[in-house]
Amino acid sequence: ILYNGRITTLDPDYPEASNLAIGGGRILGLDEGEEYADIST
């Protein structure tokens, strides 16, 4: 989980985020870091 950033996604539907979750080598979610943290190992 990357957090406290200024994340430019280049996705017109969601252009900016402050945190990002990664799993299995892919992007899992944006701006839902704590939700992923609760279920992560």
Full PDB file with SEQRES, HELIX, SHEET, SSBOND, CRYST1, ORIGX, SCALE, CONECT and MASTER records, all heavy atoms in Angstrom:
SEQRES   1 A   41  ILE LEU TYR ASN GLY ARG ILE THR THR LEU ASP PRO ASP          
SEQRES   2 A   41  TYR PRO GLU ALA SER ASN LEU ALA ILE GLY GLY GLY ARG          
SEQRES   3 A   41  ILE LEU GLY LEU ASP GLU GLY GLU GLU TYR ALA ASP ILE          
SEQRES   4 A   41  SER THR                                                      
HELIX    1 AA1 GLY A   33  ILE A   39  1                                   7    
SHEET    1 AA1 2 ILE A   7  THR A   8  0                                        
SHEET    2 AA1 2 GLU A  16  ALA A  17 -1                                        
SHEET    1 AA2 2 LEU A  20  GLY A  23  0                                        
SHEET    2 AA2 2 ARG A  26  LEU A  30 -1                                        
CRYST1    1.000    1.000    1.000  90.00  90.00  90.00 P 1           1          
ORIGX1      1.000000  0.000000  0.000000        0.00000                         
ORIGX2      0.000000  1.000000  0.000000        0.00000                         
ORIGX3      0.000000  0.000000  1.000000        0.00000                         
SCALE1      1.000000  0.000000  0.000000        0.00000                         
SCALE2      0.000000  1.000000  0.000000        0.00000                         
SCALE3      0.000000  0.000000  1.000000        0.00000                         
ATOM      1  N   ILE A   1       0.857  -1.185   0.000  1.00  0.00           N  
ATOM      2  CA  ILE A   1       0.000   0.000   0.000  1.00  0.00           C  
ATOM      3  C   ILE A   1       0.893   1.235   0.000  1.00  0.00           C  
ATOM      4  O   ILE A   1       1.776   1.379   0.858  1.00  0.00           O  
ATOM      5  CB  ILE A   1      -0.935   0.020   1.224  1.00  0.00           C  
ATOM      6  CG1 ILE A   1      -1.907  -1.161   1.152  1.00  0.00           C  
ATOM      7  CG2 ILE A   1      -1.704   1.338   1.290  1.00  0.00           C  
ATOM      8  CD1 ILE A   1      -2.754  -1.336   2.389  1.00  0.00           C  
ATOM      9  N   LEU A   2       0.694   2.098  -0.973  1.00  0.00           N  
ATOM     10  CA  LEU A   2       1.367   3.387  -1.041  1.00  0.00           C  
ATOM     11  C   LEU A   2       0.377   4.438  -0.583  1.00  0.00           C  
ATOM     12  O   LEU A   2      -0.763   4.465  -1.051  1.00  0.00           O  
ATOM     13  CB  LEU A   2       1.809   3.688  -2.484  1.00  0.00           C  
ATOM     14  CG  LEU A   2       2.635   2.626  -3.214  1.00  0.00           C  
ATOM     15  CD1 LEU A   2       2.947   3.084  -4.640  1.00  0.00           C  
ATOM     16  CD2 LEU A   2       3.920   2.325  -2.471  1.00  0.00           C  
ATOM     17  N   TYR A   3       0.822   5.323   0.308  1.00  0.00           N  
ATOM     18  CA  TYR A   3      -0.118   6.323   0.819  1.00  0.00           C  
ATOM     19  C   TYR A   3       0.574   7.674   0.973  1.00  0.00           C  
ATOM     20  O   TYR A   3       1.789   7.791   0.899  1.00  0.00           O  
ATOM     21  CB  TYR A   3      -0.720   5.862   2.142  1.00  0.00           C  
ATOM     22  CG  TYR A   3       0.259   5.785   3.300  1.00  0.00           C  
ATOM     23  CD1 TYR A   3       0.379   6.825   4.226  1.00  0.00           C  
ATOM     24  CD2 TYR A   3       1.061   4.659   3.476  1.00  0.00           C  
ATOM     25  CE1 TYR A   3       1.276   6.758   5.282  1.00  0.00           C  
ATOM     26  CE2 TYR A   3       1.957   4.571   4.528  1.00  0.00           C  
ATOM     27  CZ  TYR A   3       2.059   5.628   5.429  1.00  0.00           C  
ATOM     28  OH  TYR A   3       2.947   5.556   6.471  1.00  0.00           O  
ATOM     29  N   ASN A   4      -0.251   8.692   1.166  1.00  0.00           N  
ATOM     30  CA  ASN A   4       0.226  10.061   1.353  1.00  0.00           C  
ATOM     31  C   ASN A   4       1.009  10.544   0.133  1.00  0.00           C  
ATOM     32  O   ASN A   4       2.085  11.124   0.247  1.00  0.00           O  
ATOM     33  CB  ASN A   4       1.096  10.154   2.620  1.00  0.00           C  
ATOM     34  CG  ASN A   4       1.431  11.599   2.978  1.00  0.00           C  
ATOM     35  OD1 ASN A   4       0.714  12.536   2.593  1.00  0.00           O  
ATOM     36  ND2 ASN A   4       2.526  11.804   3.699  1.00  0.00           N  
ATOM     37  N   GLY A   5       0.454  10.283  -1.053  1.00  0.00           N  
ATOM     38  CA  GLY A   5       1.106  10.718  -2.275  1.00  0.00           C  
ATOM     39  C   GLY A   5       0.190  11.564  -3.138  1.00  0.00           C  
ATOM     40  O   GLY A   5      -1.003  11.735  -2.837  1.00  0.00           O  
ATOM     41  N   ARG A   6       0.738  12.096  -4.198  1.00  0.00           N  
ATOM     42  CA  ARG A   6      -0.036  12.788  -5.236  1.00  0.00           C  
ATOM     43  C   ARG A   6       0.072  11.921  -6.476  1.00  0.00           C  
ATOM     44  O   ARG A   6       1.036  12.020  -7.239  1.00  0.00           O  
ATOM     45  CB  ARG A   6       0.509  14.193  -5.471  1.00  0.00           C  
ATOM     46  CG  ARG A   6       0.245  15.147  -4.306  1.00  0.00           C  
ATOM     47  CD  ARG A   6       0.875  16.499  -4.554  1.00  0.00           C  
ATOM     48  NE  ARG A   6       2.337  16.400  -4.506  1.00  0.00           N  
ATOM     49  CZ  ARG A   6       3.148  17.381  -4.866  1.00  0.00           C  
ATOM     50  NH1 ARG A   6       2.658  18.514  -5.343  1.00  0.00           N  
ATOM     51  NH2 ARG A   6       4.461  17.228  -4.781  1.00  0.00           N  
ATOM     52  N   ILE A   7      -0.906  11.052  -6.649  1.00  0.00           N  
ATOM     53  CA  ILE A   7      -0.841   9.993  -7.649  1.00  0.00           C  
ATOM     54  C   ILE A   7      -1.620  10.419  -8.892  1.00  0.00           C  
ATOM     55  O   ILE A   7      -2.834  10.630  -8.833  1.00  0.00           O  
ATOM     56  CB  ILE A   7      -1.402   8.680  -7.088  1.00  0.00           C  
ATOM     57  CG1 ILE A   7      -0.613   8.254  -5.843  1.00  0.00           C  
ATOM     58  CG2 ILE A   7      -1.375   7.586  -8.147  1.00  0.00           C  
ATOM     59  CD1 ILE A   7      -1.225   7.086  -5.078  1.00  0.00           C  
ATOM     60  N   THR A   8      -0.904  10.561  -9.998  1.00  0.00           N  
ATOM     61  CA  THR A   8      -1.520  10.861 -11.289  1.00  0.00           C  
ATOM     62  C   THR A   8      -1.787   9.537 -11.988  1.00  0.00           C  
ATOM     63  O   THR A   8      -0.846   8.827 -12.355  1.00  0.00           O  
ATOM     64  CB  THR A   8      -0.599  11.743 -12.145  1.00  0.00           C  
ATOM     65  OG1 THR A   8      -0.416  12.998 -11.485  1.00  0.00           O  
ATOM     66  CG2 THR A   8      -1.196  11.981 -13.526  1.00  0.00           C  
ATOM     67  N   THR A   9      -3.048   9.208 -12.189  1.00  0.00           N  
ATOM     68  CA  THR A   9      -3.403   7.896 -12.734  1.00  0.00           C  
ATOM     69  C   THR A   9      -3.454   7.871 -14.259  1.00  0.00           C  
ATOM     70  O   THR A   9      -3.319   6.818 -14.859  1.00  0.00           O  
ATOM     71  CB  THR A   9      -4.778   7.458 -12.218  1.00  0.00           C  
ATOM     72  OG1 THR A   9      -5.786   8.305 -12.787  1.00  0.00           O  
ATOM     73  CG2 THR A   9      -4.850   7.520 -10.695  1.00  0.00           C  
ATOM     74  N   LEU A  10      -3.683   9.029 -14.887  1.00  0.00           N  
ATOM     75  CA  LEU A  10      -3.951   9.149 -16.322  1.00  0.00           C  
ATOM     76  C   LEU A  10      -5.230   8.418 -16.728  1.00  0.00           C  
ATOM     77  O   LEU A  10      -5.485   8.186 -17.916  1.00  0.00           O  
ATOM     78  CB  LEU A  10      -2.771   8.666 -17.167  1.00  0.00           C  
ATOM     79  CG  LEU A  10      -1.486   9.491 -17.034  1.00  0.00           C  
ATOM     80  CD1 LEU A  10      -0.405   8.940 -17.959  1.00  0.00           C  
ATOM     81  CD2 LEU A  10      -1.735  10.966 -17.335  1.00  0.00           C  
ATOM     82  N   ASP A  11      -6.051   8.074 -15.769  1.00  0.00           N  
ATOM     83  CA  ASP A  11      -7.386   7.520 -16.015  1.00  0.00           C  
ATOM     84  C   ASP A  11      -8.378   8.676 -15.947  1.00  0.00           C  
ATOM     85  O   ASP A  11      -8.563   9.261 -14.873  1.00  0.00           O  
ATOM     86  CB  ASP A  11      -7.714   6.471 -14.958  1.00  0.00           C  
ATOM     87  CG  ASP A  11      -9.116   5.883 -15.114  1.00  0.00           C  
ATOM     88  OD1 ASP A  11      -9.819   6.253 -16.093  1.00  0.00           O  
ATOM     89  OD2 ASP A  11      -9.515   5.074 -14.264  1.00  0.00           O  
ATOM     90  N   PRO A  12      -9.015   9.058 -17.059  1.00  0.00           N  
ATOM     91  CA  PRO A  12      -9.925  10.215 -17.031  1.00  0.00           C  
ATOM     92  C   PRO A  12     -11.085  10.051 -16.068  1.00  0.00           C  
ATOM     93  O   PRO A  12     -11.656  11.041 -15.604  1.00  0.00           O  
ATOM     94  CB  PRO A  12     -10.399  10.318 -18.488  1.00  0.00           C  
ATOM     95  CG  PRO A  12     -10.125   8.984 -19.097  1.00  0.00           C  
ATOM     96  CD  PRO A  12      -8.928   8.454 -18.388  1.00  0.00           C  
ATOM     97  N   ASP A  13     -11.431   8.820 -15.742  1.00  0.00           N  
ATOM     98  CA  ASP A  13     -12.535   8.598 -14.809  1.00  0.00           C  
ATOM     99  C   ASP A  13     -12.122   8.780 -13.353  1.00  0.00           C  
ATOM    100  O   ASP A  13     -12.994   8.934 -12.477  1.00  0.00           O  
ATOM    101  CB  ASP A  13     -13.111   7.190 -14.996  1.00  0.00           C  
ATOM    102  CG  ASP A  13     -13.758   6.997 -16.356  1.00  0.00           C  
ATOM    103  OD1 ASP A  13     -14.293   7.992 -16.901  1.00  0.00           O  
ATOM    104  OD2 ASP A  13     -13.703   5.875 -16.885  1.00  0.00           O  
ATOM    105  N   TYR A  14     -10.819   8.737 -13.089  1.00  0.00           N  
ATOM    106  CA  TYR A  14     -10.330   8.894 -11.704  1.00  0.00           C  
ATOM    107  C   TYR A  14      -8.902   9.407 -11.785  1.00  0.00           C  
ATOM    108  O   TYR A  14      -7.937   8.669 -11.560  1.00  0.00           O  
ATOM    109  CB  TYR A  14     -10.394   7.547 -10.973  1.00  0.00           C  
ATOM    110  CG  TYR A  14     -10.497   7.675  -9.469  1.00  0.00           C  
ATOM    111  CD1 TYR A  14     -11.736   7.718  -8.838  1.00  0.00           C  
ATOM    112  CD2 TYR A  14      -9.358   7.763  -8.681  1.00  0.00           C  
ATOM    113  CE1 TYR A  14     -11.837   7.819  -7.457  1.00  0.00           C  
ATOM    114  CE2 TYR A  14      -9.437   7.880  -7.305  1.00  0.00           C  
ATOM    115  CZ  TYR A  14     -10.679   7.916  -6.699  1.00  0.00           C  
ATOM    116  OH  TYR A  14     -10.783   8.030  -5.332  1.00  0.00           O  
ATOM    117  N   PRO A  15      -8.710  10.677 -12.122  1.00  0.00           N  
ATOM    118  CA  PRO A  15      -7.380  11.182 -12.486  1.00  0.00           C  
ATOM    119  C   PRO A  15      -6.379  11.321 -11.345  1.00  0.00           C  
ATOM    120  O   PRO A  15      -5.178  11.267 -11.580  1.00  0.00           O  
ATOM    121  CB  PRO A  15      -7.682  12.538 -13.117  1.00  0.00           C  
ATOM    122  CG  PRO A  15      -9.009  12.932 -12.557  1.00  0.00           C  
ATOM    123  CD  PRO A  15      -9.773  11.668 -12.351  1.00  0.00           C  
ATOM    124  N   GLU A  16      -6.826  11.522 -10.111  1.00  0.00           N  
ATOM    125  CA  GLU A  16      -5.914  11.753  -8.990  1.00  0.00           C  
ATOM    126  C   GLU A  16      -6.286  10.873  -7.809  1.00  0.00           C  
ATOM    127  O   GLU A  16      -7.465  10.588  -7.578  1.00  0.00           O  
ATOM    128  CB  GLU A  16      -5.947  13.223  -8.558  1.00  0.00           C  
ATOM    129  CG  GLU A  16      -5.345  14.187  -9.571  1.00  0.00           C  
ATOM    130  CD  GLU A  16      -3.821  14.188  -9.554  1.00  0.00           C  
ATOM    131  OE1 GLU A  16      -3.237  13.841  -8.503  1.00  0.00           O  
ATOM    132  OE2 GLU A  16      -3.227  14.527 -10.590  1.00  0.00           O  
ATOM    133  N   ALA A  17      -5.276  10.468  -7.060  1.00  0.00           N  
ATOM    134  CA  ALA A  17      -5.496   9.682  -5.847  1.00  0.00           C  
ATOM    135  C   ALA A  17      -4.404  10.017  -4.852  1.00  0.00           C  
ATOM    136  O   ALA A  17      -3.372  10.608  -5.201  1.00  0.00           O  
ATOM    137  CB  ALA A  17      -5.497   8.195  -6.162  1.00  0.00           C  
ATOM    138  N   SER A  18      -4.626   9.635  -3.600  1.00  0.00           N  
ATOM    139  CA  SER A  18      -3.609   9.864  -2.568  1.00  0.00           C  
ATOM    140  C   SER A  18      -3.014   8.561  -2.061  1.00  0.00           C  
ATOM    141  O   SER A  18      -1.944   8.563  -1.461  1.00  0.00           O  
ATOM    142  CB  SER A  18      -4.207  10.642  -1.391  1.00  0.00           C  
ATOM    143  OG  SER A  18      -5.249   9.897  -0.777  1.00  0.00           O  
ATOM    144  N   ASN A  19      -3.718   7.441  -2.270  1.00  0.00           N  
ATOM    145  CA  ASN A  19      -3.134   6.157  -1.916  1.00  0.00           C  
ATOM    146  C   ASN A  19      -3.535   5.105  -2.934  1.00  0.00           C  
ATOM    147  O   ASN A  19      -4.477   5.292  -3.717  1.00  0.00           O  
ATOM    148  CB  ASN A  19      -3.465   5.739  -0.484  1.00  0.00           C  
ATOM    149  CG  ASN A  19      -4.956   5.551  -0.256  1.00  0.00           C  
ATOM    150  OD1 ASN A  19      -5.570   4.675  -0.860  1.00  0.00           O  
ATOM    151  ND2 ASN A  19      -5.532   6.366   0.615  1.00  0.00           N  
ATOM    152  N   LEU A  20      -2.803   3.998  -2.894  1.00  0.00           N  
ATOM    153  CA  LEU A  20      -2.946   2.993  -3.939  1.00  0.00           C  
ATOM    154  C   LEU A  20      -2.592   1.633  -3.350  1.00  0.00           C  
ATOM    155  O   LEU A  20      -1.612   1.511  -2.602  1.00  0.00           O  
ATOM    156  CB  LEU A  20      -2.020   3.357  -5.098  1.00  0.00           C  
ATOM    157  CG  LEU A  20      -1.903   2.485  -6.332  1.00  0.00           C  
ATOM    158  CD1 LEU A  20      -1.562   3.356  -7.551  1.00  0.00           C  
ATOM    159  CD2 LEU A  20      -0.789   1.448  -6.156  1.00  0.00           C  
ATOM    160  N   ALA A  21      -3.392   0.622  -3.678  1.00  0.00           N  
ATOM    161  CA  ALA A  21      -3.144  -0.735  -3.187  1.00  0.00           C  
ATOM    162  C   ALA A  21      -2.754  -1.644  -4.341  1.00  0.00           C  
ATOM    163  O   ALA A  21      -3.337  -1.573  -5.433  1.00  0.00           O  
ATOM    164  CB  ALA A  21      -4.385  -1.283  -2.483  1.00  0.00           C  
ATOM    165  N   ILE A  22      -1.767  -2.504  -4.087  1.00  0.00           N  
ATOM    166  CA  ILE A  22      -1.227  -3.409  -5.100  1.00  0.00           C  
ATOM    167  C   ILE A  22      -1.293  -4.835  -4.572  1.00  0.00           C  
ATOM    168  O   ILE A  22      -0.953  -5.100  -3.414  1.00  0.00           O  
ATOM    169  CB  ILE A  22       0.235  -3.049  -5.424  1.00  0.00           C  
ATOM    170  CG1 ILE A  22       0.313  -1.660  -6.062  1.00  0.00           C  
ATOM    171  CG2 ILE A  22       0.872  -4.096  -6.336  1.00  0.00           C  
ATOM    172  CD1 ILE A  22       1.730  -1.132  -6.190  1.00  0.00           C  
ATOM    173  N   GLY A  23      -1.703  -5.754  -5.436  1.00  0.00           N  
ATOM    174  CA  GLY A  23      -1.706  -7.168  -5.085  1.00  0.00           C  
ATOM    175  C   GLY A  23      -1.530  -8.020  -6.318  1.00  0.00           C  
ATOM    176  O   GLY A  23      -2.112  -7.727  -7.372  1.00  0.00           O  
ATOM    177  N   GLY A  24      -0.728  -9.068  -6.214  1.00  0.00           N  
ATOM    178  CA  GLY A  24      -0.518  -9.949  -7.345  1.00  0.00           C  
ATOM    179  C   GLY A  24       0.074  -9.267  -8.558  1.00  0.00           C  
ATOM    180  O   GLY A  24      -0.151  -9.696  -9.697  1.00  0.00           O  
ATOM    181  N   GLY A  25       0.853  -8.205  -8.352  1.00  0.00           N  
ATOM    182  CA  GLY A  25       1.507  -7.503  -9.451  1.00  0.00           C  
ATOM    183  C   GLY A  25       0.636  -6.502 -10.173  1.00  0.00           C  
ATOM    184  O   GLY A  25       1.088  -5.899 -11.154  1.00  0.00           O  
ATOM    185  N   ARG A  26      -0.598  -6.285  -9.697  1.00  0.00           N  
ATOM    186  CA  ARG A  26      -1.514  -5.369 -10.374  1.00  0.00           C  
ATOM    187  C   ARG A  26      -2.110  -4.360  -9.388  1.00  0.00           C  
ATOM    188  O   ARG A  26      -2.049  -4.541  -8.168  1.00  0.00           O  
ATOM    189  CB  ARG A  26      -2.635  -6.140 -11.073  1.00  0.00           C  
ATOM    190  CG  ARG A  26      -2.115  -7.004 -12.222  1.00  0.00           C  
ATOM    191  CD  ARG A  26      -3.218  -7.712 -12.975  1.00  0.00           C  
ATOM    192  NE  ARG A  26      -2.665  -8.515 -14.062  1.00  0.00           N  
ATOM    193  CZ  ARG A  26      -2.582  -8.110 -15.327  1.00  0.00           C  
ATOM    194  NH1 ARG A  26      -3.028  -6.907 -15.661  1.00  0.00           N  
ATOM    195  NH2 ARG A  26      -2.072  -8.902 -16.258  1.00  0.00           N  
ATOM    196  N   ILE A  27      -2.649  -3.305  -9.958  1.00  0.00           N  
ATOM    197  CA  ILE A  27      -3.331  -2.306  -9.146  1.00  0.00           C  
ATOM    198  C   ILE A  27      -4.654  -2.895  -8.654  1.00  0.00           C  
ATOM    199  O   ILE A  27      -5.458  -3.397  -9.457  1.00  0.00           O  
ATOM    200  CB  ILE A  27      -3.611  -1.028  -9.961  1.00  0.00           C  
ATOM    201  CG1 ILE A  27      -2.341  -0.494 -10.626  1.00  0.00           C  
ATOM    202  CG2 ILE A  27      -4.275   0.030  -9.084  1.00  0.00           C  
ATOM    203  CD1 ILE A  27      -1.296  -0.010  -9.675  1.00  0.00           C  
ATOM    204  N   LEU A  28      -4.889  -2.837  -7.352  1.00  0.00           N  
ATOM    205  CA  LEU A  28      -6.145  -3.325  -6.785  1.00  0.00           C  
ATOM    206  C   LEU A  28      -7.148  -2.193  -6.592  1.00  0.00           C  
ATOM    207  O   LEU A  28      -8.337  -2.347  -6.894  1.00  0.00           O  
ATOM    208  CB  LEU A  28      -5.897  -4.014  -5.438  1.00  0.00           C  
ATOM    209  CG  LEU A  28      -5.066  -5.284  -5.445  1.00  0.00           C  
ATOM    210  CD1 LEU A  28      -4.920  -5.809  -4.018  1.00  0.00           C  
ATOM    211  CD2 LEU A  28      -5.700  -6.343  -6.346  1.00  0.00           C  
ATOM    212  N   GLY A  29      -6.691  -1.075  -6.060  1.00  0.00           N  
ATOM    213  CA  GLY A  29      -7.630   0.006  -5.775  1.00  0.00           C  
ATOM    214  C   GLY A  29      -6.924   1.308  -5.490  1.00  0.00           C  
ATOM    215  O   GLY A  29      -5.716   1.352  -5.239  1.00  0.00           O  
ATOM    216  N   LEU A  30      -7.696   2.372  -5.554  1.00  0.00           N  
ATOM    217  CA  LEU A  30      -7.212   3.725  -5.309  1.00  0.00           C  
ATOM    218  C   LEU A  30      -8.048   4.369  -4.222  1.00  0.00           C  
ATOM    219  O   LEU A  30      -9.273   4.201  -4.173  1.00  0.00           O  
ATOM    220  CB  LEU A  30      -7.307   4.565  -6.588  1.00  0.00           C  
ATOM    221  CG  LEU A  30      -6.515   4.041  -7.794  1.00  0.00           C  
ATOM    222  CD1 LEU A  30      -7.025   4.676  -9.076  1.00  0.00           C  
ATOM    223  CD2 LEU A  30      -5.039   4.335  -7.609  1.00  0.00           C  
ATOM    224  N   ASP A  31      -7.368   5.086  -3.340  1.00  0.00           N  
ATOM    225  CA  ASP A  31      -8.024   5.829  -2.257  1.00  0.00           C  
ATOM    226  C   ASP A  31      -8.848   4.935  -1.346  1.00  0.00           C  
ATOM    227  O   ASP A  31      -9.817   5.380  -0.740  1.00  0.00           O  
ATOM    228  CB  ASP A  31      -8.898   6.949  -2.828  1.00  0.00           C  
ATOM    229  CG  ASP A  31      -8.074   8.132  -3.299  1.00  0.00           C  
ATOM    230  OD1 ASP A  31      -6.907   8.251  -2.855  1.00  0.00           O  
ATOM    231  OD2 ASP A  31      -8.568   8.929  -4.106  1.00  0.00           O  
ATOM    232  N   GLU A  32      -8.463   3.670  -1.270  1.00  0.00           N  
ATOM    233  CA  GLU A  32      -9.118   2.748  -0.346  1.00  0.00           C  
ATOM    234  C   GLU A  32      -8.075   1.937   0.414  1.00  0.00           C  
ATOM    235  O   GLU A  32      -8.257   0.776   0.720  1.00  0.00           O  
ATOM    236  CB  GLU A  32     -10.065   1.811  -1.120  1.00  0.00           C  
ATOM    237  CG  GLU A  32     -11.198   2.571  -1.795  1.00  0.00           C  
ATOM    238  CD  GLU A  32     -12.016   1.689  -2.720  1.00  0.00           C  
ATOM    239  OE1 GLU A  32     -11.508   0.614  -3.095  1.00  0.00           O  
ATOM    240  OE2 GLU A  32     -13.134   2.072  -3.065  1.00  0.00           O  
ATOM    241  N   GLY A  33      -6.965   2.605   0.689  1.00  0.00           N  
ATOM    242  CA  GLY A  33      -5.850   1.909   1.301  1.00  0.00           C  
ATOM    243  C   GLY A  33      -6.185   1.284   2.633  1.00  0.00           C  
ATOM    244  O   GLY A  33      -5.792   0.154   2.921  1.00  0.00           O  
ATOM    245  N   GLU A  34      -6.919   2.006   3.477  1.00  0.00           N  
ATOM    246  CA  GLU A  34      -7.232   1.465   4.799  1.00  0.00           C  
ATOM    247  C   GLU A  34      -8.137   0.249   4.700  1.00  0.00           C  
ATOM    248  O   GLU A  34      -8.026  -0.682   5.479  1.00  0.00           O  
ATOM    249  CB  GLU A  34      -7.875   2.557   5.658  1.00  0.00           C  
ATOM    250  CG  GLU A  34      -6.922   3.686   6.023  1.00  0.00           C  
ATOM    251  CD  GLU A  34      -5.624   3.169   6.631  1.00  0.00           C  
ATOM    252  OE1 GLU A  34      -5.696   2.297   7.522  1.00  0.00           O  
ATOM    253  OE2 GLU A  34      -4.550   3.625   6.209  1.00  0.00           O  
ATOM    254  N   GLU A  35      -9.035   0.258   3.727  1.00  0.00           N  
ATOM    255  CA  GLU A  35      -9.900  -0.899   3.530  1.00  0.00           C  
ATOM    256  C   GLU A  35      -9.078  -2.135   3.194  1.00  0.00           C  
ATOM    257  O   GLU A  35      -9.317  -3.229   3.711  1.00  0.00           O  
ATOM    258  CB  GLU A  35     -10.899  -0.601   2.414  1.00  0.00           C  
ATOM    259  CG  GLU A  35     -11.921  -1.689   2.205  1.00  0.00           C  
ATOM    260  CD  GLU A  35     -12.994  -1.287   1.203  1.00  0.00           C  
ATOM    261  OE1 GLU A  35     -13.095  -0.089   0.882  1.00  0.00           O  
ATOM    262  OE2 GLU A  35     -13.705  -2.188   0.750  1.00  0.00           O  
ATOM    263  N   TYR A  36      -8.062  -1.955   2.331  1.00  0.00           N  
ATOM    264  CA  TYR A  36      -7.192  -3.072   2.003  1.00  0.00           C  
ATOM    265  C   TYR A  36      -6.308  -3.442   3.178  1.00  0.00           C  
ATOM    266  O   TYR A  36      -5.999  -4.611   3.394  1.00  0.00           O  
ATOM    267  CB  TYR A  36      -6.335  -2.730   0.780  1.00  0.00           C  
ATOM    268  CG  TYR A  36      -7.096  -2.818  -0.510  1.00  0.00           C  
ATOM    269  CD1 TYR A  36      -7.653  -1.689  -1.087  1.00  0.00           C  
ATOM    270  CD2 TYR A  36      -7.280  -4.042  -1.134  1.00  0.00           C  
ATOM    271  CE1 TYR A  36      -8.373  -1.775  -2.267  1.00  0.00           C  
ATOM    272  CE2 TYR A  36      -7.993  -4.144  -2.320  1.00  0.00           C  
ATOM    273  CZ  TYR A  36      -8.538  -3.009  -2.883  1.00  0.00           C  
ATOM    274  OH  TYR A  36      -9.253  -3.097  -4.047  1.00  0.00           O  
ATOM    275  N   ALA A  37      -5.909  -2.458   3.953  1.00  0.00           N  
ATOM    276  CA  ALA A  37      -5.043  -2.731   5.099  1.00  0.00           C  
ATOM    277  C   ALA A  37      -5.761  -3.583   6.128  1.00  0.00           C  
ATOM    278  O   ALA A  37      -5.159  -4.439   6.775  1.00  0.00           O  
ATOM    279  CB  ALA A  37      -4.586  -1.421   5.734  1.00  0.00           C  
ATOM    280  N   ASP A  38      -7.062  -3.411   6.276  1.00  0.00           N  
ATOM    281  CA  ASP A  38      -7.819  -4.158   7.278  1.00  0.00           C  
ATOM    282  C   ASP A  38      -7.854  -5.646   6.967  1.00  0.00           C  
ATOM    283  O   ASP A  38      -7.903  -6.470   7.878  1.00  0.00           O  
ATOM    284  CB  ASP A  38      -9.251  -3.619   7.360  1.00  0.00           C  
ATOM    285  CG  ASP A  38      -9.308  -2.247   8.009  1.00  0.00           C  
ATOM    286  OD1 ASP A  38      -8.329  -1.871   8.681  1.00  0.00           O  
ATOM    287  OD2 ASP A  38     -10.326  -1.560   7.812  1.00  0.00           O  
ATOM    288  N   ILE A  39      -7.844  -5.996   5.668  1.00  0.00           N  
ATOM    289  CA  ILE A  39      -7.950  -7.409   5.308  1.00  0.00           C  
ATOM    290  C   ILE A  39      -6.611  -8.009   4.875  1.00  0.00           C  
ATOM    291  O   ILE A  39      -6.539  -9.179   4.557  1.00  0.00           O  
ATOM    292  CB  ILE A  39      -8.987  -7.609   4.176  1.00  0.00           C  
ATOM    293  CG1 ILE A  39      -8.503  -6.912   2.887  1.00  0.00           C  
ATOM    294  CG2 ILE A  39     -10.355  -7.112   4.571  1.00  0.00           C  
ATOM    295  CD1 ILE A  39      -9.367  -7.240   1.680  1.00  0.00           C  
ATOM    296  N   SER A  40      -5.594  -7.189   4.850  1.00  0.00           N  
ATOM    297  CA  SER A  40      -4.308  -7.693   4.363  1.00  0.00           C  
ATOM    298  C   SER A  40      -3.573  -8.455   5.459  1.00  0.00           C  
ATOM    299  O   SER A  40      -3.901  -8.366   6.642  1.00  0.00           O  
ATOM    300  CB  SER A  40      -3.440  -6.535   3.879  1.00  0.00           C  
ATOM    301  OG  SER A  40      -3.181  -5.642   4.938  1.00  0.00           O  
ATOM    302  N   THR A  41      -2.581  -9.208   5.028  1.00  0.00           N  
ATOM    303  CA  THR A  41      -1.798  -9.980   5.975  1.00  0.00           C  
ATOM    304  C   THR A  41      -0.814  -9.070   6.700  1.00  0.00           C  
ATOM    305  O   THR A  41      -0.541  -7.962   6.253  1.00  0.00           O  
ATOM    306  CB  THR A  41      -1.014 -11.066   5.229  1.00  0.00           C  
ATOM    307  OG1 THR A  41      -0.058 -10.424   4.387  1.00  0.00           O  
ATOM    308  CG2 THR A  41      -1.932 -11.930   4.377  1.00  0.00           C  
TER     309      THR A  41                                                      
MASTER        0    0    0    1    4    0    0    6  308    1    0    4          
END                                                                             
